[in-house]
Amino acid sequence: MAEKPRRPKTGGRVKGTPNKVNAELKDMILGALNDEGGQQYLRTQAKENPTAFLSLVGKVLPMTVQGDTNNPLTFTITTGVPRAAEN
């Protein structure tokens, strides 16, 4: 037995429109950052709490990194502890 054709979705938010609560929370966070000194406060946090600061940096960096087709990105992954060359 075949399924009945479904009606297209109607109503609701337009795709990409932020949730009202999320938008208000973001505004409050940015307001608190501004009240504490903005960039200077972030510099202080980078020095005093580097783990938390780098976690924040990871959340604001783009998820996809693209290189130039004529100059592709290269990555070097080093694991473990480098050892001195044996003589």
N, C-alpha and C. Protein backbone atom coordinates (compact mmCIF):
# COMPACT_ATOMS: atom_id res chain seq x y z
N MET A 1 0.83 -1.17 0.00
CA MET A 1 0.00 0.00 0.00
C MET A 1 0.89 1.25 0.00
N ALA A 2 0.69 2.14 -0.93
CA ALA A 2 1.51 3.35 -1.07
C ALA A 2 1.10 4.39 -0.04
N GLU A 3 2.10 5.18 0.38
CA GLU A 3 1.81 6.27 1.32
C GLU A 3 1.10 7.39 0.61
N LYS A 4 0.27 8.11 1.37
CA LYS A 4 -0.41 9.28 0.82
C LYS A 4 0.61 10.40 0.66
N PRO A 5 0.49 11.22 -0.37
CA PRO A 5 1.41 12.36 -0.51
C PRO A 5 1.24 13.30 0.68
N ARG A 6 2.34 13.81 1.17
CA ARG A 6 2.31 14.72 2.32
C ARG A 6 2.16 16.15 1.84
N ARG A 7 1.51 16.95 2.69
CA ARG A 7 1.38 18.37 2.38
C ARG A 7 2.67 19.08 2.76
N PRO A 8 3.02 20.15 2.05
CA PRO A 8 4.22 20.90 2.41
C PRO A 8 4.05 21.57 3.77
N LYS A 9 5.16 21.75 4.47
CA LYS A 9 5.14 22.38 5.78
C LYS A 9 4.72 23.84 5.64
N THR A 10 3.86 24.26 6.52
CA THR A 10 3.45 25.67 6.54
C THR A 10 3.60 26.21 7.95
N GLY A 11 3.81 27.53 8.08
CA GLY A 11 3.91 28.15 9.41
C GLY A 11 5.28 27.95 10.02
N GLY A 12 5.43 28.41 11.23
CA GLY A 12 6.70 28.28 11.95
C GLY A 12 7.68 29.39 11.58
N ARG A 13 8.87 29.32 12.17
CA ARG A 13 9.90 30.32 11.90
C ARG A 13 10.53 30.09 10.53
N VAL A 14 11.02 31.16 9.97
CA VAL A 14 11.77 31.07 8.73
C VAL A 14 13.12 30.43 9.06
N LYS A 15 13.60 29.56 8.19
CA LYS A 15 14.87 28.88 8.42
C LYS A 15 15.98 29.90 8.67
N GLY A 16 16.78 29.68 9.71
CA GLY A 16 17.90 30.58 10.03
C GLY A 16 17.55 31.65 11.05
N THR A 17 16.27 31.79 11.40
CA THR A 17 15.87 32.78 12.39
C THR A 17 16.25 32.25 13.77
N PRO A 18 17.04 33.03 14.55
CA PRO A 18 17.45 32.54 15.86
C PRO A 18 16.28 32.45 16.84
N ASN A 19 16.36 31.50 17.73
CA ASN A 19 15.40 31.36 18.80
C ASN A 19 15.46 32.62 19.66
N LYS A 20 14.32 33.13 20.11
CA LYS A 20 14.27 34.37 20.89
C LYS A 20 15.09 34.25 22.17
N VAL A 21 14.98 33.12 22.86
CA VAL A 21 15.72 32.93 24.11
C VAL A 21 17.22 32.94 23.83
N ASN A 22 17.66 32.26 22.77
CA ASN A 22 19.09 32.24 22.43
C ASN A 22 19.60 33.63 22.10
N ALA A 23 18.81 34.41 21.36
CA ALA A 23 19.21 35.77 21.00
C ALA A 23 19.33 36.64 22.25
N GLU A 24 18.39 36.51 23.18
CA GLU A 24 18.44 37.31 24.41
C GLU A 24 19.63 36.90 25.27
N LEU A 25 19.91 35.60 25.36
CA LEU A 25 21.05 35.13 26.13
C LEU A 25 22.36 35.65 25.54
N LYS A 26 22.48 35.60 24.22
CA LYS A 26 23.68 36.11 23.56
C LYS A 26 23.85 37.59 23.85
N ASP A 27 22.77 38.37 23.80
CA ASP A 27 22.84 39.80 24.11
C ASP A 27 23.30 40.03 25.56
N MET A 28 22.80 39.21 26.50
CA MET A 28 23.21 39.37 27.90
C MET A 28 24.69 39.05 28.08
N ILE A 29 25.16 38.00 27.43
CA ILE A 29 26.57 37.61 27.54
C ILE A 29 27.47 38.71 26.97
N LEU A 30 27.11 39.22 25.80
CA LEU A 30 27.91 40.28 25.19
C LEU A 30 27.86 41.56 26.02
N GLY A 31 26.71 41.85 26.64
CA GLY A 31 26.60 43.01 27.52
C GLY A 31 27.50 42.86 28.74
N ALA A 32 27.54 41.68 29.34
CA ALA A 32 28.41 41.44 30.49
C ALA A 32 29.87 41.56 30.09
N LEU A 33 30.23 41.05 28.93
CA LEU A 33 31.61 41.15 28.44
C LEU A 33 31.99 42.62 28.26
N ASN A 34 31.09 43.40 27.68
CA ASN A 34 31.33 44.82 27.49
C ASN A 34 31.50 45.54 28.84
N ASP A 35 30.66 45.19 29.81
CA ASP A 35 30.75 45.81 31.15
C ASP A 35 32.07 45.50 31.84
N GLU A 36 32.66 44.34 31.54
CA GLU A 36 33.91 43.93 32.18
C GLU A 36 35.16 44.39 31.44
N GLY A 37 35.00 45.08 30.35
CA GLY A 37 36.17 45.63 29.67
C GLY A 37 36.45 45.04 28.30
N GLY A 38 35.58 44.18 27.79
CA GLY A 38 35.71 43.67 26.43
C GLY A 38 37.02 42.96 26.15
N GLN A 39 37.78 43.47 25.20
CA GLN A 39 39.02 42.80 24.77
C GLN A 39 40.05 42.71 25.89
N GLN A 40 40.16 43.72 26.71
CA GLN A 40 41.14 43.66 27.81
C GLN A 40 40.79 42.52 28.77
N TYR A 41 39.51 42.35 29.05
CA TYR A 41 39.07 41.26 29.92
C TYR A 41 39.42 39.91 29.28
N LEU A 42 39.19 39.78 27.98
CA LEU A 42 39.52 38.52 27.30
C LEU A 42 41.02 38.27 27.30
N ARG A 43 41.83 39.32 27.17
CA ARG A 43 43.30 39.16 27.25
C ARG A 43 43.69 38.61 28.62
N THR A 44 43.09 39.17 29.66
CA THR A 44 43.37 38.71 31.03
C THR A 44 42.99 37.24 31.18
N GLN A 45 41.82 36.87 30.66
CA GLN A 45 41.37 35.48 30.76
C GLN A 45 42.28 34.54 29.97
N ALA A 46 42.78 35.01 28.84
CA ALA A 46 43.69 34.18 28.04
C ALA A 46 44.94 33.84 28.84
N LYS A 47 45.43 34.79 29.64
CA LYS A 47 46.64 34.55 30.45
C LYS A 47 46.33 33.74 31.70
N GLU A 48 45.24 34.07 32.38
CA GLU A 48 44.94 33.43 33.67
C GLU A 48 44.21 32.10 33.54
N ASN A 49 43.42 31.93 32.50
CA ASN A 49 42.63 30.72 32.29
C ASN A 49 42.74 30.25 30.83
N PRO A 50 43.94 29.84 30.41
CA PRO A 50 44.12 29.52 28.99
C PRO A 50 43.24 28.37 28.49
N THR A 51 42.96 27.39 29.32
CA THR A 51 42.13 26.27 28.87
C THR A 51 40.72 26.73 28.53
N ALA A 52 40.13 27.50 29.44
CA ALA A 52 38.78 28.01 29.19
C ALA A 52 38.78 28.97 28.00
N PHE A 53 39.80 29.80 27.90
CA PHE A 53 39.86 30.76 26.79
C PHE A 53 39.97 30.04 25.45
N LEU A 54 40.82 29.02 25.37
CA LEU A 54 40.98 28.29 24.11
C LEU A 54 39.71 27.50 23.76
N SER A 55 38.97 27.07 24.77
CA SER A 55 37.69 26.43 24.51
C SER A 55 36.74 27.42 23.85
N LEU A 56 36.74 28.65 24.34
CA LEU A 56 35.93 29.70 23.73
C LEU A 56 36.36 29.98 22.30
N VAL A 57 37.66 30.05 22.08
CA VAL A 57 38.18 30.29 20.73
C VAL A 57 37.70 29.18 19.78
N GLY A 58 37.74 27.94 20.25
CA GLY A 58 37.30 26.82 19.43
C GLY A 58 35.83 26.92 19.03
N LYS A 59 35.02 27.57 19.85
CA LYS A 59 33.60 27.71 19.55
C LYS A 59 33.31 28.81 18.53
N VAL A 60 34.22 29.77 18.40
CA VAL A 60 33.95 30.86 17.47
C VAL A 60 34.70 30.72 16.14
N LEU A 61 35.62 29.77 16.04
CA LEU A 61 36.31 29.54 14.78
C LEU A 61 35.38 28.83 13.80
N PRO A 62 35.56 29.05 12.51
CA PRO A 62 34.71 28.34 11.54
C PRO A 62 34.97 26.85 11.60
N MET A 63 33.92 26.08 11.31
CA MET A 63 34.04 24.61 11.34
C MET A 63 34.75 24.07 10.11
N THR A 64 34.73 24.79 9.01
CA THR A 64 35.35 24.34 7.77
C THR A 64 36.45 25.31 7.38
N VAL A 65 37.62 24.77 7.09
CA VAL A 65 38.74 25.59 6.64
C VAL A 65 39.01 25.20 5.20
N GLN A 66 39.03 26.18 4.31
CA GLN A 66 39.27 25.90 2.91
C GLN A 66 40.54 26.62 2.47
N GLY A 67 41.30 25.96 1.65
CA GLY A 67 42.52 26.55 1.13
C GLY A 67 42.34 27.00 -0.31
N ASP A 68 43.32 27.68 -0.79
CA ASP A 68 43.34 28.12 -2.19
C ASP A 68 43.70 26.91 -3.05
N THR A 69 43.01 26.71 -4.16
CA THR A 69 43.29 25.54 -5.01
C THR A 69 44.71 25.56 -5.56
N ASN A 70 45.29 26.75 -5.73
CA ASN A 70 46.66 26.85 -6.22
C ASN A 70 47.70 26.73 -5.11
N ASN A 71 47.27 26.84 -3.87
CA ASN A 71 48.17 26.77 -2.72
C ASN A 71 47.45 26.02 -1.60
N PRO A 72 47.33 24.68 -1.72
CA PRO A 72 46.53 23.92 -0.77
C PRO A 72 47.10 23.94 0.65
N LEU A 73 46.21 23.77 1.61
CA LEU A 73 46.62 23.70 3.00
C LEU A 73 47.37 22.40 3.25
N THR A 74 48.37 22.45 4.11
CA THR A 74 49.06 21.23 4.52
C THR A 74 49.06 21.16 6.03
N PHE A 75 48.96 19.97 6.56
CA PHE A 75 48.95 19.75 8.00
C PHE A 75 50.05 18.78 8.37
N THR A 76 50.71 19.04 9.48
CA THR A 76 51.68 18.12 10.03
C THR A 76 51.21 17.75 11.42
N ILE A 77 51.02 16.46 11.66
CA ILE A 77 50.58 16.00 12.96
C ILE A 77 51.74 15.27 13.62
N THR A 78 52.13 15.76 14.78
CA THR A 78 53.22 15.14 15.53
C THR A 78 52.63 14.55 16.79
N THR A 79 52.88 13.28 17.04
CA THR A 79 52.39 12.64 18.25
C THR A 79 53.57 12.24 19.10
N GLY A 80 53.35 12.16 20.37
CA GLY A 80 54.41 11.75 21.29
C GLY A 80 55.40 12.87 21.55
N VAL A 81 56.50 12.52 22.15
CA VAL A 81 57.53 13.47 22.51
C VAL A 81 58.68 13.34 21.52
N PRO A 82 59.07 14.44 20.86
CA PRO A 82 60.20 14.35 19.93
C PRO A 82 61.47 13.93 20.69
N ARG A 83 62.27 13.11 20.06
CA ARG A 83 63.51 12.64 20.68
C ARG A 83 64.71 13.21 19.95
N ALA A 84 65.76 13.39 20.66
CA ALA A 84 67.00 13.89 20.05
C ALA A 84 67.54 12.81 19.10
N ALA A 85 68.13 13.26 18.01
CA ALA A 85 68.71 12.32 17.04
C ALA A 85 69.83 11.55 17.69
N GLU A 86 69.87 10.25 17.40
CA GLU A 86 70.95 9.43 17.96
C GLU A 86 72.22 9.62 17.13
N ASN A 87 73.37 9.64 17.81
CA ASN A 87 74.66 9.80 17.11
C ASN A 87 75.32 8.48 16.88
